[in-house]
Amino acid sequence: MNEIYITIRQLGVSTKYKGYYYVADAVKLTLESQERPIRITKDIYPILATKYQSKPQNIEHNIRTVVLSCWRSNREKLEEVMGVRLHKMPSNYEFLDGLSYYILHLREASAASRARQ
């Protein structure tokens, strides 16, 4: 979970955003569900809404606020994380998918580095 928090901070998002924790948990859920396609509105928002005693619409909105913050404040790092040049702000799904893929590769690189030592 540490690399998730570090990456979110590198994107320019702090804990002042409720969505900071929602994004971290959404990425964690996505990484845990790699064996099947993830449906953000059916698989992510309701689970987080229950966990945080909120509504799925609020979870969606707060994650979108984080995406907007990244888009406005650190687009270069966002494009690095997403792996592509962005011509428009990514959707919540695109953002979480790209962030999850980035974290997965960070973990794999870290594991490979440890194995070489």
N, C-alpha and C. Protein backbone atom coordinates (compact mmCIF):
# COMPACT_ATOMS: atom_id res chain seq x y z
N MET A 1 0.84 -1.20 0.00
CA MET A 1 0.00 0.00 0.00
C MET A 1 0.88 1.25 0.00
N ASN A 2 2.10 1.10 0.51
CA ASN A 2 3.00 2.24 0.58
C ASN A 2 3.27 2.86 -0.79
N GLU A 3 3.55 2.01 -1.79
CA GLU A 3 3.85 2.54 -3.11
C GLU A 3 2.65 3.24 -3.73
N ILE A 4 1.46 2.84 -3.33
CA ILE A 4 0.24 3.52 -3.82
C ILE A 4 0.20 4.94 -3.25
N TYR A 5 0.38 5.07 -1.95
CA TYR A 5 0.36 6.39 -1.32
C TYR A 5 1.48 7.29 -1.88
N ILE A 6 2.66 6.71 -2.06
CA ILE A 6 3.79 7.50 -2.59
C ILE A 6 3.46 8.01 -3.98
N THR A 7 2.92 7.16 -4.81
CA THR A 7 2.60 7.56 -6.19
C THR A 7 1.50 8.62 -6.22
N ILE A 8 0.49 8.46 -5.40
CA ILE A 8 -0.58 9.46 -5.35
C ILE A 8 0.00 10.82 -4.93
N ARG A 9 0.89 10.81 -3.95
CA ARG A 9 1.53 12.07 -3.52
C ARG A 9 2.40 12.66 -4.62
N GLN A 10 3.10 11.81 -5.36
CA GLN A 10 3.92 12.29 -6.47
C GLN A 10 3.06 12.95 -7.55
N LEU A 11 1.81 12.55 -7.62
CA LEU A 11 0.88 13.15 -8.57
C LEU A 11 0.36 14.50 -8.08
N GLY A 12 0.72 14.88 -6.87
CA GLY A 12 0.34 16.18 -6.34
C GLY A 12 -0.89 16.17 -5.48
N VAL A 13 -1.30 15.00 -5.02
CA VAL A 13 -2.51 14.89 -4.21
C VAL A 13 -2.13 14.60 -2.76
N SER A 14 -2.74 15.34 -1.85
CA SER A 14 -2.47 15.12 -0.43
C SER A 14 -3.73 14.60 0.26
N THR A 15 -3.59 14.35 1.54
CA THR A 15 -4.71 13.82 2.32
C THR A 15 -5.81 14.84 2.56
N LYS A 16 -5.62 16.07 2.10
CA LYS A 16 -6.70 17.05 2.26
C LYS A 16 -7.90 16.68 1.39
N TYR A 17 -7.67 15.82 0.40
CA TYR A 17 -8.75 15.33 -0.46
C TYR A 17 -9.29 14.02 0.09
N LYS A 18 -10.60 13.92 0.26
CA LYS A 18 -11.21 12.65 0.66
C LYS A 18 -10.87 11.57 -0.35
N GLY A 19 -10.82 11.96 -1.59
CA GLY A 19 -10.54 11.02 -2.66
C GLY A 19 -9.18 10.37 -2.60
N TYR A 20 -8.26 10.96 -1.84
CA TYR A 20 -6.92 10.38 -1.66
C TYR A 20 -7.04 8.94 -1.17
N TYR A 21 -7.83 8.73 -0.14
CA TYR A 21 -7.99 7.39 0.43
C TYR A 21 -8.85 6.51 -0.47
N TYR A 22 -9.82 7.10 -1.13
CA TYR A 22 -10.68 6.34 -2.04
C TYR A 22 -9.85 5.80 -3.20
N VAL A 23 -8.98 6.63 -3.75
CA VAL A 23 -8.13 6.20 -4.86
C VAL A 23 -7.20 5.08 -4.40
N ALA A 24 -6.58 5.25 -3.24
CA ALA A 24 -5.67 4.22 -2.73
C ALA A 24 -6.41 2.89 -2.55
N ASP A 25 -7.58 2.92 -1.95
CA ASP A 25 -8.34 1.69 -1.76
C ASP A 25 -8.85 1.12 -3.08
N ALA A 26 -9.22 1.97 -4.01
CA ALA A 26 -9.69 1.50 -5.32
C ALA A 26 -8.56 0.80 -6.07
N VAL A 27 -7.36 1.34 -5.99
CA VAL A 27 -6.21 0.70 -6.63
C VAL A 27 -5.93 -0.65 -5.96
N LYS A 28 -5.99 -0.67 -4.65
CA LYS A 28 -5.78 -1.93 -3.92
C LYS A 28 -6.81 -2.98 -4.36
N LEU A 29 -8.07 -2.61 -4.45
CA LEU A 29 -9.11 -3.53 -4.90
C LEU A 29 -8.86 -4.00 -6.33
N THR A 30 -8.44 -3.09 -7.17
CA THR A 30 -8.16 -3.43 -8.57
C THR A 30 -7.01 -4.43 -8.66
N LEU A 31 -5.96 -4.20 -7.89
CA LEU A 31 -4.82 -5.11 -7.90
C LEU A 31 -5.19 -6.49 -7.34
N GLU A 32 -6.11 -6.54 -6.41
CA GLU A 32 -6.55 -7.81 -5.83
C GLU A 32 -7.47 -8.58 -6.77
N SER A 33 -8.02 -7.90 -7.77
CA SER A 33 -9.00 -8.52 -8.68
C SER A 33 -8.45 -8.64 -10.09
N GLN A 34 -7.19 -8.91 -10.22
CA GLN A 34 -6.57 -8.96 -11.55
C GLN A 34 -7.08 -10.10 -12.42
N GLU A 35 -7.64 -11.12 -11.81
CA GLU A 35 -8.07 -12.29 -12.59
C GLU A 35 -9.38 -12.07 -13.35
N ARG A 36 -10.03 -10.94 -13.08
CA ARG A 36 -11.29 -10.67 -13.79
C ARG A 36 -11.41 -9.18 -14.09
N PRO A 37 -12.18 -8.85 -15.10
CA PRO A 37 -12.38 -7.43 -15.42
C PRO A 37 -13.06 -6.71 -14.26
N ILE A 38 -12.63 -5.51 -14.01
CA ILE A 38 -13.19 -4.71 -12.92
C ILE A 38 -14.24 -3.75 -13.49
N ARG A 39 -15.35 -3.67 -12.82
CA ARG A 39 -16.41 -2.73 -13.22
C ARG A 39 -16.48 -1.69 -12.11
N ILE A 40 -16.02 -0.52 -12.41
CA ILE A 40 -15.86 0.51 -11.40
C ILE A 40 -17.17 0.86 -10.69
N THR A 41 -18.26 0.96 -11.44
CA THR A 41 -19.53 1.35 -10.81
C THR A 41 -20.18 0.20 -10.05
N LYS A 42 -19.84 -1.02 -10.38
CA LYS A 42 -20.43 -2.18 -9.70
C LYS A 42 -19.49 -2.79 -8.66
N ASP A 43 -18.19 -2.71 -8.92
CA ASP A 43 -17.22 -3.40 -8.06
C ASP A 43 -16.44 -2.49 -7.12
N ILE A 44 -16.27 -1.24 -7.48
CA ILE A 44 -15.42 -0.35 -6.67
C ILE A 44 -16.25 0.62 -5.84
N TYR A 45 -17.05 1.45 -6.49
CA TYR A 45 -17.79 2.49 -5.77
C TYR A 45 -18.66 1.95 -4.63
N PRO A 46 -19.45 0.89 -4.85
CA PRO A 46 -20.28 0.39 -3.73
C PRO A 46 -19.47 -0.13 -2.55
N ILE A 47 -18.36 -0.81 -2.84
CA ILE A 47 -17.53 -1.34 -1.75
C ILE A 47 -16.94 -0.20 -0.93
N LEU A 48 -16.42 0.82 -1.63
CA LEU A 48 -15.84 1.96 -0.91
C LEU A 48 -16.91 2.76 -0.18
N ALA A 49 -18.08 2.87 -0.78
CA ALA A 49 -19.17 3.60 -0.12
C ALA A 49 -19.54 2.92 1.20
N THR A 50 -19.59 1.61 1.19
CA THR A 50 -19.88 0.88 2.42
C THR A 50 -18.77 1.08 3.44
N LYS A 51 -17.54 0.94 2.99
CA LYS A 51 -16.40 1.08 3.91
C LYS A 51 -16.36 2.46 4.55
N TYR A 52 -16.62 3.50 3.75
CA TYR A 52 -16.50 4.87 4.25
C TYR A 52 -17.84 5.48 4.64
N GLN A 53 -18.86 4.66 4.71
CA GLN A 53 -20.21 5.10 5.10
C GLN A 53 -20.63 6.32 4.28
N SER A 54 -20.58 6.13 2.99
CA SER A 54 -20.90 7.19 2.05
C SER A 54 -21.82 6.63 0.97
N LYS A 55 -21.95 7.35 -0.12
CA LYS A 55 -22.75 6.90 -1.26
C LYS A 55 -21.81 6.71 -2.45
N PRO A 56 -22.13 5.75 -3.33
CA PRO A 56 -21.29 5.55 -4.51
C PRO A 56 -21.07 6.83 -5.32
N GLN A 57 -22.09 7.68 -5.40
CA GLN A 57 -21.96 8.93 -6.15
C GLN A 57 -20.91 9.84 -5.52
N ASN A 58 -20.84 9.85 -4.19
CA ASN A 58 -19.84 10.67 -3.50
C ASN A 58 -18.43 10.13 -3.74
N ILE A 59 -18.30 8.81 -3.73
CA ILE A 59 -17.01 8.18 -4.00
C ILE A 59 -16.55 8.55 -5.41
N GLU A 60 -17.46 8.43 -6.37
CA GLU A 60 -17.15 8.77 -7.76
C GLU A 60 -16.72 10.23 -7.88
N HIS A 61 -17.45 11.11 -7.24
CA HIS A 61 -17.15 12.54 -7.30
C HIS A 61 -15.79 12.85 -6.69
N ASN A 62 -15.49 12.28 -5.55
CA ASN A 62 -14.23 12.56 -4.87
C ASN A 62 -13.02 11.98 -5.63
N ILE A 63 -13.20 10.85 -6.27
CA ILE A 63 -12.13 10.32 -7.11
C ILE A 63 -11.94 11.23 -8.32
N ARG A 64 -13.03 11.69 -8.91
CA ARG A 64 -12.93 12.61 -10.05
C ARG A 64 -12.20 13.89 -9.65
N THR A 65 -12.42 14.36 -8.44
CA THR A 65 -11.73 15.55 -7.94
C THR A 65 -10.22 15.30 -7.87
N VAL A 66 -9.82 14.12 -7.45
CA VAL A 66 -8.40 13.76 -7.41
C VAL A 66 -7.83 13.74 -8.83
N VAL A 67 -8.56 13.13 -9.75
CA VAL A 67 -8.09 13.07 -11.15
C VAL A 67 -7.91 14.49 -11.68
N LEU A 68 -8.87 15.35 -11.42
CA LEU A 68 -8.79 16.74 -11.88
C LEU A 68 -7.59 17.45 -11.26
N SER A 69 -7.34 17.22 -10.00
CA SER A 69 -6.19 17.82 -9.32
C SER A 69 -4.89 17.37 -9.98
N CYS A 70 -4.76 16.08 -10.26
CA CYS A 70 -3.57 15.56 -10.93
C CYS A 70 -3.42 16.17 -12.32
N TRP A 71 -4.53 16.26 -13.02
CA TRP A 71 -4.54 16.81 -14.38
C TRP A 71 -4.06 18.26 -14.37
N ARG A 72 -4.49 19.02 -13.39
CA ARG A 72 -4.14 20.44 -13.33
C ARG A 72 -2.75 20.70 -12.75
N SER A 73 -2.35 19.91 -11.76
CA SER A 73 -1.13 20.26 -11.03
C SER A 73 0.12 19.50 -11.47
N ASN A 74 -0.03 18.31 -12.00
CA ASN A 74 1.17 17.54 -12.33
C ASN A 74 0.92 16.62 -13.52
N ARG A 75 0.58 17.25 -14.64
CA ARG A 75 0.23 16.48 -15.84
C ARG A 75 1.40 15.62 -16.33
N GLU A 76 2.60 16.12 -16.18
CA GLU A 76 3.78 15.36 -16.65
C GLU A 76 3.88 14.02 -15.91
N LYS A 77 3.77 14.04 -14.60
CA LYS A 77 3.82 12.79 -13.81
C LYS A 77 2.61 11.93 -14.12
N LEU A 78 1.45 12.55 -14.31
CA LEU A 78 0.24 11.80 -14.65
C LEU A 78 0.45 11.05 -15.96
N GLU A 79 1.03 11.69 -16.94
CA GLU A 79 1.29 11.03 -18.22
C GLU A 79 2.31 9.90 -18.06
N GLU A 80 3.29 10.10 -17.18
CA GLU A 80 4.25 9.02 -16.90
C GLU A 80 3.54 7.82 -16.30
N VAL A 81 2.69 8.07 -15.33
CA VAL A 81 1.95 6.99 -14.68
C VAL A 81 1.01 6.30 -15.67
N MET A 82 0.32 7.07 -16.49
CA MET A 82 -0.63 6.51 -17.44
C MET A 82 0.08 5.80 -18.60
N GLY A 83 1.32 6.18 -18.86
CA GLY A 83 2.08 5.54 -19.91
C GLY A 83 1.80 6.07 -21.31
N VAL A 84 1.06 7.16 -21.41
CA VAL A 84 0.72 7.75 -22.70
C VAL A 84 0.63 9.26 -22.57
N ARG A 85 0.73 9.93 -23.69
CA ARG A 85 0.48 11.37 -23.73
C ARG A 85 -1.02 11.58 -23.65
N LEU A 86 -1.46 12.44 -22.78
CA LEU A 86 -2.89 12.67 -22.58
C LEU A 86 -3.33 13.96 -23.27
N HIS A 87 -4.40 13.86 -24.04
CA HIS A 87 -4.95 15.03 -24.72
C HIS A 87 -6.21 15.53 -24.02
N LYS A 88 -6.70 14.69 -23.11
CA LYS A 88 -7.84 15.10 -22.29
C LYS A 88 -7.69 14.42 -20.93
N MET A 89 -8.39 14.96 -19.96
CA MET A 89 -8.33 14.39 -18.62
C MET A 89 -8.88 12.96 -18.65
N PRO A 90 -8.17 12.02 -18.02
CA PRO A 90 -8.67 10.64 -18.01
C PRO A 90 -9.93 10.51 -17.16
N SER A 91 -10.75 9.55 -17.52
CA SER A 91 -11.92 9.23 -16.71
C SER A 91 -11.44 8.57 -15.42
N ASN A 92 -12.33 8.42 -14.47
CA ASN A 92 -11.97 7.74 -13.22
C ASN A 92 -11.46 6.33 -13.52
N TYR A 93 -12.17 5.63 -14.41
CA TYR A 93 -11.75 4.27 -14.75
C TYR A 93 -10.36 4.26 -15.37
N GLU A 94 -10.12 5.14 -16.34
CA GLU A 94 -8.82 5.20 -16.99
C GLU A 94 -7.72 5.52 -15.97
N PHE A 95 -8.01 6.45 -15.08
CA PHE A 95 -7.05 6.85 -14.06
C PHE A 95 -6.71 5.67 -13.15
N LEU A 96 -7.73 5.00 -12.62
CA LEU A 96 -7.50 3.88 -11.70
C LEU A 96 -6.81 2.72 -12.41
N ASP A 97 -7.20 2.47 -13.64
CA ASP A 97 -6.58 1.40 -14.42
C ASP A 97 -5.10 1.71 -14.66
N GLY A 98 -4.80 2.93 -15.09
CA GLY A 98 -3.42 3.33 -15.34
C GLY A 98 -2.58 3.32 -14.08
N LEU A 99 -3.14 3.82 -12.99
CA LEU A 99 -2.43 3.85 -11.71
C LEU A 99 -2.17 2.42 -11.21
N SER A 100 -3.15 1.55 -11.35
CA SER A 100 -2.99 0.15 -10.93
C SER A 100 -1.89 -0.54 -11.73
N TYR A 101 -1.90 -0.32 -13.04
CA TYR A 101 -0.89 -0.92 -13.91
C TYR A 101 0.51 -0.41 -13.53
N TYR A 102 0.61 0.88 -13.25
CA TYR A 102 1.88 1.49 -12.84
C TYR A 102 2.38 0.88 -11.53
N ILE A 103 1.50 0.75 -10.56
CA ILE A 103 1.87 0.17 -9.26
C ILE A 103 2.29 -1.28 -9.42
N LEU A 104 1.56 -2.01 -10.24
CA LEU A 104 1.89 -3.42 -10.50
C LEU A 104 3.32 -3.53 -11.05
N HIS A 105 3.67 -2.66 -11.97
CA HIS A 105 5.02 -2.70 -12.54
C HIS A 105 6.07 -2.22 -11.54
N LEU A 106 5.73 -1.29 -10.68
CA LEU A 106 6.66 -0.90 -9.61
C LEU A 106 6.96 -2.09 -8.70
N ARG A 107 5.91 -2.83 -8.36
CA ARG A 107 6.08 -4.00 -7.50
C ARG A 107 6.93 -5.07 -8.18
N GLU A 108 6.67 -5.29 -9.45
CA GLU A 108 7.43 -6.30 -10.19
C GLU A 108 8.90 -5.91 -10.31
N ALA A 109 9.16 -4.63 -10.58
CA ALA A 109 10.54 -4.15 -10.68
C ALA A 109 11.24 -4.26 -9.33
N SER A 110 10.53 -3.97 -8.27
CA SER A 110 11.10 -4.07 -6.92
C SER A 110 11.43 -5.53 -6.58
N ALA A 111 10.52 -6.44 -6.93
CA ALA A 111 10.75 -7.86 -6.67
C ALA A 111 11.92 -8.38 -7.48
N ALA A 112 12.03 -7.94 -8.74
CA ALA A 112 13.15 -8.38 -9.59
C ALA A 112 14.47 -7.85 -9.04
N SER A 113 14.45 -6.63 -8.55
CA SER A 113 15.65 -6.03 -7.97
C SER A 113 16.10 -6.79 -6.73
N ARG A 114 15.14 -7.15 -5.90
CA ARG A 114 15.47 -7.92 -4.68
C ARG A 114 16.00 -9.30 -5.04
N ALA A 115 15.45 -9.90 -6.09
CA ALA A 115 15.89 -11.24 -6.51
C ALA A 115 17.33 -11.22 -7.03
N ARG A 116 17.73 -10.12 -7.65
CA ARG A 116 19.10 -10.00 -8.17
C ARG A 116 20.12 -9.82 -7.06
N GLN A 117 19.70 -9.36 -5.91
CA GLN A 117 20.64 -9.07 -4.81
C GLN A 117 20.99 -10.28 -4.02
